[in-house]
Amino acid sequence: MFRHLSLNLRKLSTKITTEMEEVVNKVLRETFPKATTITTEDISGGCGQHYKIYVESEEFKGKSKIQQHKMVTGALKDYISQWHAVTIDTKIV
């Protein structure tokens, strides 16, 4: 019984995480339309509280790493406030 419940909860958690990853990717694609790569990964073990985000875009040209990260966090400010942690990596194309 408990194993069945655990598996169902894990599936539910995975579904929620997948939806959040899709939302984050959509927001980032809209914010950085010239991006060549955007990835979002839940690295919290499925609870949706720690995300790893990678954005590769020419829109970062002329910006410092801090400015690039502020651009990403600015786009995601409504979501980041709900998370425990976020790891951001950016690259200029």
PDB file of N, CA and C in Angstrom:
ATOM      1  N   MET A   1       0.821  -1.191   0.000  1.00  0.00           N
ATOM      2  CA  MET A   1       0.000   0.000   0.000  1.00  0.00           C
ATOM      3  C   MET A   1       0.869   1.260   0.000  1.00  0.00           C
ATOM      4  N   PHE A   2       1.853   1.319   0.911  1.00  0.00           N
ATOM      5  CA  PHE A   2       2.693   2.512   0.998  1.00  0.00           C
ATOM      6  C   PHE A   2       3.579   2.655  -0.231  1.00  0.00           C
ATOM      7  N   ARG A   3       4.026   1.525  -0.749  1.00  0.00           N
ATOM      8  CA  ARG A   3       4.851   1.582  -1.951  1.00  0.00           C
ATOM      9  C   ARG A   3       4.049   2.166  -3.105  1.00  0.00           C
ATOM     10  N   HIS A   4       2.812   1.738  -3.249  1.00  0.00           N
ATOM     11  CA  HIS A   4       1.943   2.249  -4.308  1.00  0.00           C
ATOM     12  C   HIS A   4       1.729   3.754  -4.137  1.00  0.00           C
ATOM     13  N   LEU A   5       1.490   4.190  -2.918  1.00  0.00           N
ATOM     14  CA  LEU A   5       1.302   5.608  -2.627  1.00  0.00           C
ATOM     15  C   LEU A   5       2.569   6.387  -2.949  1.00  0.00           C
ATOM     16  N   SER A   6       3.709   5.842  -2.572  1.00  0.00           N
ATOM     17  CA  SER A   6       4.990   6.494  -2.839  1.00  0.00           C
ATOM     18  C   SER A   6       5.221   6.654  -4.338  1.00  0.00           C
ATOM     19  N   LEU A   7       4.932   5.624  -5.104  1.00  0.00           N
ATOM     20  CA  LEU A   7       5.112   5.700  -6.553  1.00  0.00           C
ATOM     21  C   LEU A   7       4.184   6.737  -7.169  1.00  0.00           C
ATOM     22  N   ASN A   8       2.941   6.800  -6.689  1.00  0.00           N
ATOM     23  CA  ASN A   8       2.002   7.791  -7.199  1.00  0.00           C
ATOM     24  C   ASN A   8       2.452   9.206  -6.865  1.00  0.00           C
ATOM     25  N   LEU A   9       2.958   9.419  -5.660  1.00  0.00           N
ATOM     26  CA  LEU A   9       3.451  10.739  -5.274  1.00  0.00           C
ATOM     27  C   LEU A   9       4.666  11.127  -6.107  1.00  0.00           C
ATOM     28  N   ARG A  10       5.529  10.186  -6.377  1.00  0.00           N
ATOM     29  CA  ARG A  10       6.706  10.454  -7.197  1.00  0.00           C
ATOM     30  C   ARG A  10       6.286  10.856  -8.613  1.00  0.00           C
ATOM     31  N   LYS A  11       5.296  10.167  -9.165  1.00  0.00           N
ATOM     32  CA  LYS A  11       4.806  10.518 -10.496  1.00  0.00           C
ATOM     33  C   LYS A  11       4.217  11.920 -10.496  1.00  0.00           C
ATOM     34  N   LEU A  12       3.463  12.259  -9.469  1.00  0.00           N
ATOM     35  CA  LEU A  12       2.869  13.581  -9.359  1.00  0.00           C
ATOM     36  C   LEU A  12       3.953  14.637  -9.253  1.00  0.00           C
ATOM     37  N   SER A  13       4.940  14.393  -8.429  1.00  0.00           N
ATOM     38  CA  SER A  13       6.046  15.329  -8.262  1.00  0.00           C
ATOM     39  C   SER A  13       6.786  15.530  -9.575  1.00  0.00           C
ATOM     40  N   THR A  14       7.032  14.460 -10.294  1.00  0.00           N
ATOM     41  CA  THR A  14       7.722  14.554 -11.574  1.00  0.00           C
ATOM     42  C   THR A  14       6.906  15.371 -12.561  1.00  0.00           C
ATOM     43  N   LYS A  15       5.607  15.176 -12.566  1.00  0.00           N
ATOM     44  CA  LYS A  15       4.742  15.922 -13.474  1.00  0.00           C
ATOM     45  C   LYS A  15       4.800  17.413 -13.162  1.00  0.00           C
ATOM     46  N   ILE A  16       4.728  17.784 -11.912  1.00  0.00           N
ATOM     47  CA  ILE A  16       4.793  19.190 -11.524  1.00  0.00           C
ATOM     48  C   ILE A  16       6.136  19.775 -11.935  1.00  0.00           C
ATOM     49  N   THR A  17       7.201  19.057 -11.665  1.00  0.00           N
ATOM     50  CA  THR A  17       8.540  19.519 -12.029  1.00  0.00           C
ATOM     51  C   THR A  17       8.641  19.721 -13.529  1.00  0.00           C
ATOM     52  N   THR A  18       8.155  18.790 -14.293  1.00  0.00           N
ATOM     53  CA  THR A  18       8.205  18.893 -15.742  1.00  0.00           C
ATOM     54  C   THR A  18       7.440  20.118 -16.219  1.00  0.00           C
ATOM     55  N   GLU A  19       6.305  20.378 -15.628  1.00  0.00           N
ATOM     56  CA  GLU A  19       5.524  21.552 -15.998  1.00  0.00           C
ATOM     57  C   GLU A  19       6.297  22.833 -15.693  1.00  0.00           C
ATOM     58  N   MET A  20       6.960  22.892 -14.538  1.00  0.00           N
ATOM     59  CA  MET A  20       7.724  24.086 -14.180  1.00  0.00           C
ATOM     60  C   MET A  20       8.903  24.272 -15.125  1.00  0.00           C
ATOM     61  N   GLU A  21       9.565  23.199 -15.466  1.00  0.00           N
ATOM     62  CA  GLU A  21      10.669  23.293 -16.423  1.00  0.00           C
ATOM     63  C   GLU A  21      10.172  23.853 -17.756  1.00  0.00           C
ATOM     64  N   GLU A  22       9.011  23.408 -18.193  1.00  0.00           N
ATOM     65  CA  GLU A  22       8.438  23.900 -19.446  1.00  0.00           C
ATOM     66  C   GLU A  22       8.086  25.376 -19.345  1.00  0.00           C
ATOM     67  N   VAL A  23       7.527  25.780 -18.217  1.00  0.00           N
ATOM     68  CA  VAL A  23       7.180  27.189 -18.007  1.00  0.00           C
ATOM     69  C   VAL A  23       8.432  28.054 -18.033  1.00  0.00           C
ATOM     70  N   VAL A  24       9.456  27.626 -17.309  1.00  0.00           N
ATOM     71  CA  VAL A  24      10.712  28.381 -17.261  1.00  0.00           C
ATOM     72  C   VAL A  24      11.322  28.478 -18.657  1.00  0.00           C
ATOM     73  N   ASN A  25      11.359  27.383 -19.378  1.00  0.00           N
ATOM     74  CA  ASN A  25      11.909  27.398 -20.737  1.00  0.00           C
ATOM     75  C   ASN A  25      11.119  28.337 -21.646  1.00  0.00           C
ATOM     76  N   LYS A  26       9.807  28.335 -21.509  1.00  0.00           N
ATOM     77  CA  LYS A  26       8.960  29.217 -22.325  1.00  0.00           C
ATOM     78  C   LYS A  26       9.265  30.679 -22.020  1.00  0.00           C
ATOM     79  N   VAL A  27       9.342  31.032 -20.749  1.00  0.00           N
ATOM     80  CA  VAL A  27       9.648  32.412 -20.357  1.00  0.00           C
ATOM     81  C   VAL A  27      11.014  32.822 -20.891  1.00  0.00           C
ATOM     82  N   LEU A  28      11.987  31.941 -20.763  1.00  0.00           N
ATOM     83  CA  LEU A  28      13.333  32.265 -21.234  1.00  0.00           C
ATOM     84  C   LEU A  28      13.395  32.375 -22.757  1.00  0.00           C
ATOM     85  N   ARG A  29      12.659  31.531 -23.469  1.00  0.00           N
ATOM     86  CA  ARG A  29      12.626  31.628 -24.938  1.00  0.00           C
ATOM     87  C   ARG A  29      12.007  32.956 -25.380  1.00  0.00           C
ATOM     88  N   GLU A  30      10.984  33.406 -24.640  1.00  0.00           N
ATOM     89  CA  GLU A  30      10.352  34.688 -24.963  1.00  0.00           C
ATOM     90  C   GLU A  30      11.285  35.853 -24.635  1.00  0.00           C
ATOM     91  N   THR A  31      12.034  35.729 -23.552  1.00  0.00           N
ATOM     92  CA  THR A  31      12.943  36.794 -23.123  1.00  0.00           C
ATOM     93  C   THR A  31      14.192  36.855 -23.990  1.00  0.00           C
ATOM     94  N   PHE A  32      14.678  35.696 -24.404  1.00  0.00           N
ATOM     95  CA  PHE A  32      15.906  35.600 -25.200  1.00  0.00           C
ATOM     96  C   PHE A  32      15.609  34.899 -26.528  1.00  0.00           C
ATOM     97  N   PRO A  33      14.928  35.590 -27.448  1.00  0.00           N
ATOM     98  CA  PRO A  33      14.532  34.930 -28.701  1.00  0.00           C
ATOM     99  C   PRO A  33      15.708  34.503 -29.580  1.00  0.00           C
ATOM    100  N   LYS A  34      16.880  35.079 -29.359  1.00  0.00           N
ATOM    101  CA  LYS A  34      18.052  34.708 -30.159  1.00  0.00           C
ATOM    102  C   LYS A  34      18.885  33.608 -29.504  1.00  0.00           C
ATOM    103  N   ALA A  35      18.415  33.077 -28.390  1.00  0.00           N
ATOM    104  CA  ALA A  35      19.169  32.040 -27.678  1.00  0.00           C
ATOM    105  C   ALA A  35      19.301  30.790 -28.537  1.00  0.00           C
ATOM    106  N   THR A  36      20.492  30.223 -28.527  1.00  0.00           N
ATOM    107  CA  THR A  36      20.718  28.977 -29.265  1.00  0.00           C
ATOM    108  C   THR A  36      20.486  27.762 -28.377  1.00  0.00           C
ATOM    109  N   THR A  37      20.662  27.939 -27.071  1.00  0.00           N
ATOM    110  CA  THR A  37      20.447  26.846 -26.123  1.00  0.00           C
ATOM    111  C   THR A  37      19.820  27.393 -24.847  1.00  0.00           C
ATOM    112  N   ILE A  38      18.760  26.736 -24.399  1.00  0.00           N
ATOM    113  CA  ILE A  38      18.146  27.026 -23.104  1.00  0.00           C
ATOM    114  C   ILE A  38      17.802  25.686 -22.476  1.00  0.00           C
ATOM    115  N   THR A  39      18.323  25.442 -21.282  1.00  0.00           N
ATOM    116  CA  THR A  39      17.967  24.215 -20.570  1.00  0.00           C
ATOM    117  C   THR A  39      17.600  24.550 -19.132  1.00  0.00           C
ATOM    118  N   THR A  40      16.644  23.835 -18.625  1.00  0.00           N
ATOM    119  CA  THR A  40      16.223  23.954 -17.235  1.00  0.00           C
ATOM    120  C   THR A  40      16.132  22.552 -16.672  1.00  0.00           C
ATOM    121  N   GLU A  41      16.751  22.348 -15.525  1.00  0.00           N
ATOM    122  CA  GLU A  41      16.772  21.015 -14.914  1.00  0.00           C
ATOM    123  C   GLU A  41      16.490  21.124 -13.421  1.00  0.00           C
ATOM    124  N   ASP A  42      15.539  20.338 -12.954  1.00  0.00           N
ATOM    125  CA  ASP A  42      15.265  20.250 -11.520  1.00  0.00           C
ATOM    126  C   ASP A  42      16.344  19.370 -10.907  1.00  0.00           C
ATOM    127  N   ILE A  43      17.191  19.949 -10.073  1.00  0.00           N
ATOM    128  CA  ILE A  43      18.272  19.183  -9.443  1.00  0.00           C
ATOM    129  C   ILE A  43      18.016  18.997  -7.952  1.00  0.00           C
ATOM    130  N   SER A  44      16.741  19.078  -7.575  1.00  0.00           N
ATOM    131  CA  SER A  44      16.381  18.940  -6.165  1.00  0.00           C
ATOM    132  C   SER A  44      15.890  17.543  -5.822  1.00  0.00           C
ATOM    133  N   GLY A  45      16.002  16.636  -6.748  1.00  0.00           N
ATOM    134  CA  GLY A  45      15.517  15.290  -6.482  1.00  0.00           C
ATOM    135  C   GLY A  45      14.030  15.144  -6.747  1.00  0.00           C
ATOM    136  N   GLY A  46      13.451  16.078  -7.468  1.00  0.00           N
ATOM    137  CA  GLY A  46      12.048  15.964  -7.852  1.00  0.00           C
ATOM    138  C   GLY A  46      11.083  16.821  -7.070  1.00  0.00           C
ATOM    139  N   CYS A  47      11.558  17.569  -6.077  1.00  0.00           N
ATOM    140  CA  CYS A  47      10.623  18.372  -5.277  1.00  0.00           C
ATOM    141  C   CYS A  47      10.391  19.760  -5.862  1.00  0.00           C
ATOM    142  N   GLY A  48      11.135  20.130  -6.894  1.00  0.00           N
ATOM    143  CA  GLY A  48      10.899  21.395  -7.565  1.00  0.00           C
ATOM    144  C   GLY A  48      11.376  22.617  -6.813  1.00  0.00           C
ATOM    145  N   GLN A  49      12.416  22.469  -6.013  1.00  0.00           N
ATOM    146  CA  GLN A  49      12.898  23.591  -5.209  1.00  0.00           C
ATOM    147  C   GLN A  49      14.291  24.083  -5.581  1.00  0.00           C
ATOM    148  N   HIS A  50      14.991  23.392  -6.470  1.00  0.00           N
ATOM    149  CA  HIS A  50      16.332  23.813  -6.883  1.00  0.00           C
ATOM    150  C   HIS A  50      16.478  23.519  -8.370  1.00  0.00           C
ATOM    151  N   TYR A  51      16.720  24.568  -9.125  1.00  0.00           N
ATOM    152  CA  TYR A  51      16.822  24.423 -10.570  1.00  0.00           C
ATOM    153  C   TYR A  51      18.192  24.843 -11.068  1.00  0.00           C
ATOM    154  N   LYS A  52      18.621  24.184 -12.121  1.00  0.00           N
ATOM    155  CA  LYS A  52      19.858  24.531 -12.821  1.00  0.00           C
ATOM    156  C   LYS A  52      19.437  25.042 -14.195  1.00  0.00           C
ATOM    157  N   ILE A  53      19.828  26.274 -14.497  1.00  0.00           N
ATOM    158  CA  ILE A  53      19.407  26.925 -15.732  1.00  0.00           C
ATOM    159  C   ILE A  53      20.637  27.298 -16.549  1.00  0.00           C
ATOM    160  N   TYR A  54      20.565  27.021 -17.842  1.00  0.00           N
ATOM    161  CA  TYR A  54      21.661  27.358 -18.754  1.00  0.00           C
ATOM    162  C   TYR A  54      21.078  28.089 -19.957  1.00  0.00           C
ATOM    163  N   VAL A  55      21.642  29.254 -20.265  1.00  0.00           N
ATOM    164  CA  VAL A  55      21.195  30.030 -21.417  1.00  0.00           C
ATOM    165  C   VAL A  55      22.418  30.443 -22.228  1.00  0.00           C
ATOM    166  N   GLU A  56      22.364  30.156 -23.513  1.00  0.00           N
ATOM    167  CA  GLU A  56      23.432  30.511 -24.446  1.00  0.00           C
ATOM    168  C   GLU A  56      22.813  31.450 -25.486  1.00  0.00           C
ATOM    169  N   SER A  57      23.281  32.719 -25.507  1.00  0.00           N
ATOM    170  CA  SER A  57      22.641  33.687 -26.391  1.00  0.00           C
ATOM    171  C   SER A  57      23.580  34.815 -26.782  1.00  0.00           C
ATOM    172  N   GLU A  58      23.385  35.330 -27.978  1.00  0.00           N
ATOM    173  CA  GLU A  58      24.146  36.499 -28.415  1.00  0.00           C
ATOM    174  C   GLU A  58      23.644  37.764 -27.717  1.00  0.00           C
ATOM    175  N   GLU A  59      22.478  37.691 -27.098  1.00  0.00           N
ATOM    176  CA  GLU A  59      21.930  38.846 -26.379  1.00  0.00           C
ATOM    177  C   GLU A  59      22.757  39.212 -25.147  1.00  0.00           C
ATOM    178  N   PHE A  60      23.687  38.356 -24.777  1.00  0.00           N
ATOM    179  CA  PHE A  60      24.577  38.638 -23.649  1.00  0.00           C
ATOM    180  C   PHE A  60      25.839  39.396 -24.075  1.00  0.00           C
ATOM    181  N   LYS A  61      26.013  39.615 -25.381  1.00  0.00           N
ATOM    182  CA  LYS A  61      27.219  40.310 -25.859  1.00  0.00           C
ATOM    183  C   LYS A  61      27.340  41.678 -25.194  1.00  0.00           C
ATOM    184  N   GLY A  62      28.557  41.983 -24.733  1.00  0.00           N
ATOM    185  CA  GLY A  62      28.821  43.267 -24.098  1.00  0.00           C
ATOM    186  C   GLY A  62      28.385  43.350 -22.649  1.00  0.00           C
ATOM    187  N   LYS A  63      27.848  42.268 -22.119  1.00  0.00           N
ATOM    188  CA  LYS A  63      27.378  42.231 -20.729  1.00  0.00           C
ATOM    189  C   LYS A  63      28.348  41.423 -19.880  1.00  0.00           C
ATOM    190  N   SER A  64      28.533  41.863 -18.640  1.00  0.00           N
ATOM    191  CA  SER A  64      29.341  41.088 -17.699  1.00  0.00           C
ATOM    192  C   SER A  64      28.553  39.852 -17.276  1.00  0.00           C
ATOM    193  N   LYS A  65      29.226  38.911 -16.658  1.00  0.00           N
ATOM    194  CA  LYS A  65      28.555  37.694 -16.182  1.00  0.00           C
ATOM    195  C   LYS A  65      27.438  38.059 -15.202  1.00  0.00           C
ATOM    196  N   ILE A  66      27.701  39.032 -14.338  1.00  0.00           N
ATOM    197  CA  ILE A  66      26.678  39.460 -13.367  1.00  0.00           C
ATOM    198  C   ILE A  66      25.468  40.042 -14.093  1.00  0.00           C
ATOM    199  N   GLN A  67      25.696  40.864 -15.101  1.00  0.00           N
ATOM    200  CA  GLN A  67      24.590  41.437 -15.872  1.00  0.00           C
ATOM    201  C   GLN A  67      23.798  40.349 -16.599  1.00  0.00           C
ATOM    202  N   GLN A  68      24.494  39.356 -17.128  1.00  0.00           N
ATOM    203  CA  GLN A  68      23.823  38.241 -17.801  1.00  0.00           C
ATOM    204  C   GLN A  68      22.908  37.506 -16.828  1.00  0.00           C
ATOM    205  N   HIS A  69      23.418  37.231 -15.645  1.00  0.00           N
ATOM    206  CA  HIS A  69      22.631  36.513 -14.643  1.00  0.00           C
ATOM    207  C   HIS A  69      21.449  37.352 -14.179  1.00  0.00           C
ATOM    208  N   LYS A  70      21.640  38.660 -14.068  1.00  0.00           N
ATOM    209  CA  LYS A  70      20.528  39.539 -13.691  1.00  0.00           C
ATOM    210  C   LYS A  70      19.444  39.541 -14.763  1.00  0.00           C
ATOM    211  N   MET A  71      19.839  39.433 -16.009  1.00  0.00           N
ATOM    212  CA  MET A  71      18.855  39.349 -17.092  1.00  0.00           C
ATOM    213  C   MET A  71      18.005  38.085 -16.943  1.00  0.00           C
ATOM    214  N   VAL A  72      18.648  36.982 -16.615  1.00  0.00           N
ATOM    215  CA  VAL A  72      17.930  35.711 -16.437  1.00  0.00           C
ATOM    216  C   VAL A  72      17.047  35.770 -15.196  1.00  0.00           C
ATOM    217  N   THR A  73      17.598  36.210 -14.073  1.00  0.00           N
ATOM    218  CA  THR A  73      16.799  36.264 -12.838  1.00  0.00           C
ATOM    219  C   THR A  73      15.660  37.268 -12.964  1.00  0.00           C
ATOM    220  N   GLY A  74      15.882  38.352 -13.700  1.00  0.00           N
ATOM    221  CA  GLY A  74      14.807  39.322 -13.915  1.00  0.00           C
ATOM    222  C   GLY A  74      13.641  38.712 -14.668  1.00  0.00           C
ATOM    223  N   ALA A  75      13.947  37.899 -15.658  1.00  0.00           N
ATOM    224  CA  ALA A  75      12.898  37.238 -16.442  1.00  0.00           C
ATOM    225  C   ALA A  75      12.115  36.228 -15.608  1.00  0.00           C
ATOM    226  N   LEU A  76      12.793  35.648 -14.611  1.00  0.00           N
ATOM    227  CA  LEU A  76      12.183  34.566 -13.817  1.00  0.00           C
ATOM    228  C   LEU A  76      11.824  34.983 -12.396  1.00  0.00           C
ATOM    229  N   LYS A  77      11.797  36.288 -12.111  1.00  0.00           N
ATOM    230  CA  LYS A  77      11.628  36.753 -10.729  1.00  0.00           C
ATOM    231  C   LYS A  77      10.380  36.198 -10.047  1.00  0.00           C
ATOM    232  N   ASP A  78       9.291  36.039 -10.762  1.00  0.00           N
ATOM    233  CA  ASP A  78       8.062  35.519 -10.150  1.00  0.00           C
ATOM    234  C   ASP A  78       8.191  34.056  -9.742  1.00  0.00           C
ATOM    235  N   TYR A  79       9.049  33.321 -10.412  1.00  0.00           N
ATOM    236  CA  TYR A  79       9.226  31.898 -10.122  1.00  0.00           C
ATOM    237  C   TYR A  79      10.337  31.666  -9.105  1.00  0.00           C
ATOM    238  N   ILE A  80      11.428  32.398  -9.254  1.00  0.00           N
ATOM    239  CA  ILE A  80      12.579  32.216  -8.363  1.00  0.00           C
ATOM    240  C   ILE A  80      12.194  32.443  -6.908  1.00  0.00           C
ATOM    241  N   SER A  81      11.276  33.351  -6.661  1.00  0.00           N
ATOM    242  CA  SER A  81      10.864  33.636  -5.280  1.00  0.00           C
ATOM    243  C   SER A  81      10.210  32.427  -4.610  1.00  0.00           C
ATOM    244  N   GLN A  82       9.766  31.463  -5.394  1.00  0.00           N
ATOM    245  CA  GLN A  82       9.112  30.266  -4.857  1.00  0.00           C
ATOM    246  C   GLN A  82      10.090  29.109  -4.639  1.00  0.00           C
ATOM    247  N   TRP A  83      11.319  29.255  -5.123  1.00  0.00           N
ATOM    248  CA  TRP A  83      12.307  28.183  -5.058  1.00  0.00           C
ATOM    249  C   TRP A  83      13.257  28.369  -3.890  1.00  0.00           C
ATOM    250  N   HIS A  84      13.881  27.290  -3.495  1.00  0.00           N
ATOM    251  CA  HIS A  84      14.914  27.335  -2.458  1.00  0.00           C
ATOM    252  C   HIS A  84      16.237  27.820  -3.045  1.00  0.00           C
ATOM    253  N   ALA A  85      16.560  27.379  -4.253  1.00  0.00           N
ATOM    254  CA  ALA A  85      17.841  27.742  -4.861  1.00  0.00           C
ATOM    255  C   ALA A  85      17.760  27.636  -6.377  1.00  0.00           C
ATOM    256  N   VAL A  86      18.642  28.397  -7.021  1.00  0.00           N
ATOM    257  CA  VAL A  86      18.754  28.329  -8.475  1.00  0.00           C
ATOM    258  C   VAL A  86      20.224  28.511  -8.841  1.00  0.00           C
ATOM    259  N   THR A  87      20.674  27.702  -9.786  1.00  0.00           N
ATOM    260  CA  THR A  87      22.031  27.808 -10.312  1.00  0.00           C
ATOM    261  C   THR A  87      21.909  28.254 -11.763  1.00  0.00           C
ATOM    262  N   ILE A  88      22.588  29.342 -12.095  1.00  0.00           N
ATOM    263  CA  ILE A  88      22.485  29.898 -13.442  1.00  0.00           C
ATOM    264  C   ILE A  88      23.858  29.901 -14.093  1.00  0.00           C
ATOM    265  N   ASP A  89      23.879  29.453 -15.343  1.00  0.00           N
ATOM    266  CA  ASP A  89      25.094  29.523 -16.147  1.00  0.00           C
ATOM    267  C   ASP A  89      24.695  30.144 -17.479  1.00  0.00           C
ATOM    268  N   THR A  90      25.494  31.093 -17.941  1.00  0.00           N
ATOM    269  CA  THR A  90      25.209  31.753 -19.208  1.00  0.00           C
ATOM    270  C   THR A  90      26.454  31.735 -20.083  1.00  0.00           C
ATOM    271  N   LYS A  91      26.214  31.839 -21.385  1.00  0.00           N
ATOM    272  CA  LYS A  91      27.328  31.862 -22.327  1.00  0.00           C
ATOM    273  C   LYS A  91      26.962  32.769 -23.489  1.00  0.00           C
ATOM    274  N   ILE A  92      27.940  33.536 -23.944  1.00  0.00           N
ATOM    275  CA  ILE A  92      27.752  34.393 -25.102  1.00  0.00           C
ATOM    276  C   ILE A  92      28.058  33.575 -26.353  1.00  0.00           C
ATOM    277  N   VAL A  93      27.167  33.648 -27.328  1.00  0.00           N
ATOM    278  CA  VAL A  93      27.371  32.933 -28.589  1.00  0.00           C
ATOM    279  C   VAL A  93      28.079  33.853 -29.555  1.00  0.00           C
TER     280      VAL A  93
END
